[in-house]
């Protein structure tokens, strides 16, 4: 009976060691799987962030190009500077300088 009790005790100890070994292996496998998944998530997040930055840059470039086109279009549509003209004075000869009232009126910018 003592021999049988020793065999049972050794069998239980061996089973406990196998269980601990198996549990340790599963824990290590789970850790490696978790680290692999976390690395994939980080890579995906980095790619999404890079894609967002690229989209923002592209959008800014499009808006900037559109603004440049509008500004160039406005510049090309502007009327040419007015042609100089002579104002005759009361005696019929050309005046050397415009009257102050005319100069004041010409300096006011009107909306078109």
C-alpha atoms as a PDB file:
ATOM      1  CA  UNK A   1       0.000   0.000   0.000  1.00  0.00           C
ATOM      2  CA  UNK A   2       2.836   2.392   0.766  1.00  0.00           C
ATOM      3  CA  UNK A   3       4.290   1.731  -2.650  1.00  0.00           C
ATOM      4  CA  UNK A   4       0.959   2.390  -4.321  1.00  0.00           C
ATOM      5  CA  UNK A   5       0.560   5.667  -2.358  1.00  0.00           C
ATOM      6  CA  UNK A   6       4.041   6.760  -3.504  1.00  0.00           C
ATOM      7  CA  UNK A   7       3.172   5.972  -7.143  1.00  0.00           C
ATOM      8  CA  UNK A   8      -0.036   7.973  -6.850  1.00  0.00           C
ATOM      9  CA  UNK A   9       1.831  10.875  -5.237  1.00  0.00           C
ATOM     10  CA  UNK A  10       4.502  10.855  -8.004  1.00  0.00           C
ATOM     11  CA  UNK A  11       1.786  10.632 -10.678  1.00  0.00           C
ATOM     12  CA  UNK A  12      -0.014  13.631  -9.169  1.00  0.00           C
ATOM     13  CA  UNK A  13       3.232  15.631  -9.004  1.00  0.00           C
ATOM     14  CA  UNK A  14       4.046  14.762 -12.629  1.00  0.00           C
ATOM     15  CA  UNK A  15       0.530  15.744 -13.702  1.00  0.00           C
ATOM     16  CA  UNK A  16       0.874  19.078 -11.844  1.00  0.00           C
ATOM     17  CA  UNK A  17       4.230  19.716 -13.570  1.00  0.00           C
ATOM     18  CA  UNK A  18       2.750  18.911 -16.996  1.00  0.00           C
ATOM     19  CA  UNK A  19      -0.216  21.168 -16.249  1.00  0.00           C
ATOM     20  CA  UNK A  20       2.110  24.029 -15.200  1.00  0.00           C
ATOM     21  CA  UNK A  21       4.276  23.471 -18.265  1.00  0.00           C
ATOM     22  CA  UNK A  22       1.283  23.457 -20.602  1.00  0.00           C
ATOM     23  CA  UNK A  23      -0.155  26.532 -18.911  1.00  0.00           C
ATOM     24  CA  UNK A  24       3.170  28.356 -19.246  1.00  0.00           C
ATOM     25  CA  UNK A  25       3.369  27.473 -22.945  1.00  0.00           C
ATOM     26  CA  UNK A  26      -0.159  28.735 -23.544  1.00  0.00           C
ATOM     27  CA  UNK A  27       0.601  31.980 -21.695  1.00  0.00           C
ATOM     28  CA  UNK A  28       3.708  32.562 -23.815  1.00  0.00           C
ATOM     29  CA  UNK A  29       1.776  31.786 -26.998  1.00  0.00           C
ATOM     30  CA  UNK A  30      -0.974  34.206 -25.962  1.00  0.00           C
ATOM     31  CA  UNK A  31       1.603  36.925 -25.188  1.00  0.00           C
ATOM     32  CA  UNK A  32       3.278  36.513 -28.563  1.00  0.00           C
ATOM     33  CA  UNK A  33      -0.106  36.546 -30.333  1.00  0.00           C
ATOM     34  CA  UNK A  34      -1.144  39.652 -28.417  1.00  0.00           C
ATOM     35  CA  UNK A  35       2.083  41.457 -29.265  1.00  0.00           C
ATOM     36  CA  UNK A  36       1.646  40.515 -32.937  1.00  0.00           C
ATOM     37  CA  UNK A  37      -1.934  41.833 -32.929  1.00  0.00           C
ATOM     38  CA  UNK A  38      -0.884  45.041 -31.169  1.00  0.00           C
ATOM     39  CA  UNK A  39       1.872  45.584 -33.734  1.00  0.00           C
ATOM     40  CA  UNK A  40      -0.653  45.124 -36.548  1.00  0.00           C
ATOM     41  CA  UNK A  41      -3.044  47.599 -34.897  1.00  0.00           C
ATOM     42  CA  UNK A  42      -0.269  50.164 -34.468  1.00  0.00           C
ATOM     43  CA  UNK A  43       0.749  49.712 -38.094  1.00  0.00           C
ATOM     44  CA  UNK A  44      -2.855  50.167 -39.229  1.00  0.00           C
ATOM     45  CA  UNK A  45      -3.254  53.305 -37.090  1.00  0.00           C
ATOM     46  CA  UNK A  46      -0.001  54.740 -38.449  1.00  0.00           C
ATOM     47  CA  UNK A  47      -1.154  54.068 -42.011  1.00  0.00           C
ATOM     48  CA  UNK A  48      -4.508  55.735 -41.295  1.00  0.00           C
ATOM     49  CA  UNK A  49      -2.752  58.763 -39.800  1.00  0.00           C
ATOM     50  CA  UNK A  50      -0.437  58.999 -42.804  1.00  0.00           C
ATOM     51  CA  UNK A  51      -3.423  58.737 -45.142  1.00  0.00           C
ATOM     52  CA  UNK A  52      -5.195  61.526 -43.224  1.00  0.00           C
ATOM     53  CA  UNK A  53      -2.118  63.763 -43.482  1.00  0.00           C
ATOM     54  CA  UNK A  54      -1.864  63.054 -47.214  1.00  0.00           C
ATOM     55  CA  UNK A  55      -5.569  63.827 -47.687  1.00  0.00           C
ATOM     56  CA  UNK A  56      -5.206  67.114 -45.796  1.00  0.00           C
ATOM     57  CA  UNK A  57      -2.187  68.076 -47.883  1.00  0.00           C
ATOM     58  CA  UNK A  58      -4.019  67.215 -51.079  1.00  0.00           C
ATOM     59  CA  UNK A  59      -7.091  69.181 -50.008  1.00  0.00           C
ATOM     60  CA  UNK A  60      -4.970  72.197 -49.072  1.00  0.00           C
ATOM     61  CA  UNK A  61      -3.151  72.016 -52.413  1.00  0.00           C
ATOM     62  CA  UNK A  62      -6.467  71.900 -54.297  1.00  0.00           C
ATOM     63  CA  UNK A  63      -7.844  74.866 -52.359  1.00  0.00           C
ATOM     64  CA  UNK A  64      -4.611  76.792 -52.826  1.00  0.00           C
ATOM     65  CA  UNK A  65      -4.575  76.096 -56.582  1.00  0.00           C
ATOM     66  CA  UNK A  66      -8.200  77.194 -56.849  1.00  0.00           C
ATOM     67  CA  UNK A  67      -7.419  80.415 -54.991  1.00  0.00           C
ATOM     68  CA  UNK A  68      -4.464  81.109 -57.273  1.00  0.00           C
ATOM     69  CA  UNK A  69      -6.659  80.524 -60.336  1.00  0.00           C
ATOM     70  CA  UNK A  70      -9.292  82.923 -58.981  1.00  0.00           C
ATOM     71  CA  UNK A  71      -6.711  85.598 -58.238  1.00  0.00           C
ATOM     72  CA  UNK A  72      -5.128  85.239 -61.680  1.00  0.00           C
ATOM     73  CA  UNK A  73      -8.557  85.352 -63.296  1.00  0.00           C
ATOM     74  CA  UNK A  74      -9.412  88.534 -61.403  1.00  0.00           C
ATOM     75  CA  UNK A  75      -6.140  90.114 -62.424  1.00  0.00           C
ATOM     76  CA  UNK A  76      -6.675  89.241 -66.071  1.00  0.00           C
ATOM     77  CA  UNK A  77     -10.228  90.655 -66.020  1.00  0.00           C
ATOM     78  CA  UNK A  78      -9.264  93.951 -64.478  1.00  0.00           C
ATOM     79  CA  UNK A  79      -9.725  96.882 -66.793  1.00  0.00           C
ATOM     80  CA  UNK A  80      -6.682  98.562 -68.169  1.00  0.00           C
ATOM     81  CA  UNK A  81      -5.642 101.798 -66.513  1.00  0.00           C
ATOM     82  CA  UNK A  82      -7.582 104.783 -67.809  1.00  0.00           C
ATOM     83  CA  UNK A  83      -6.109 106.818 -70.611  1.00  0.00           C
ATOM     84  CA  UNK A  84      -4.811 110.198 -69.550  1.00  0.00           C
ATOM     85  CA  UNK A  85      -6.965 113.101 -70.649  1.00  0.00           C
ATOM     86  CA  UNK A  86      -6.608 116.824 -70.783  1.00  0.00           C
ATOM     87  CA  UNK A  87      -8.960 119.166 -69.010  1.00  0.00           C
ATOM     88  CA  UNK A  88      -9.402 122.506 -70.654  1.00  0.00           C
ATOM     89  CA  UNK A  89      -9.414 125.553 -68.460  1.00  0.00           C
ATOM     90  CA  UNK A  90     -11.923 128.378 -68.793  1.00  0.00           C
ATOM     91  CA  UNK A  91      -9.916 130.155 -71.521  1.00  0.00           C
ATOM     92  CA  UNK A  92      -9.692 127.066 -73.762  1.00  0.00           C
ATOM     93  CA  UNK A  93      -6.034 126.143 -73.120  1.00  0.00           C
ATOM     94  CA  UNK A  94      -5.003 122.900 -71.425  1.00  0.00           C
ATOM     95  CA  UNK A  95      -4.860 123.186 -67.648  1.00  0.00           C
ATOM     96  CA  UNK A  96      -1.511 122.435 -65.997  1.00  0.00           C
ATOM     97  CA  UNK A  97      -3.167 120.848 -63.011  1.00  0.00           C
ATOM     98  CA  UNK A  98      -6.641 119.545 -62.292  1.00  0.00           C
ATOM     99  CA  UNK A  99      -8.839 121.461 -59.894  1.00  0.00           C
ATOM    100  CA  UNK A 100      -8.813 120.172 -56.309  1.00  0.00           C
ATOM    101  CA  UNK A 101     -12.466 119.091 -56.466  1.00  0.00           C
ATOM    102  CA  UNK A 102     -11.776 116.905 -59.502  1.00  0.00           C
ATOM    103  CA  UNK A 103      -8.713 115.351 -57.851  1.00  0.00           C
ATOM    104  CA  UNK A 104     -10.760 114.535 -54.739  1.00  0.00           C
ATOM    105  CA  UNK A 105     -13.462 112.863 -56.826  1.00  0.00           C
ATOM    106  CA  UNK A 106     -10.910 110.824 -58.794  1.00  0.00           C
ATOM    107  CA  UNK A 107      -9.268 109.503 -55.604  1.00  0.00           C
ATOM    108  CA  UNK A 108     -12.521 107.946 -54.370  1.00  0.00           C
ATOM    109  CA  UNK A 109     -12.673 104.280 -55.350  1.00  0.00           C
ATOM    110  CA  UNK A 110     -16.076 103.107 -56.439  1.00  0.00           C
ATOM    111  CA  UNK A 111     -17.384  99.572 -56.386  1.00  0.00           C
ATOM    112  CA  UNK A 112     -18.038  97.995 -59.735  1.00  0.00           C
END
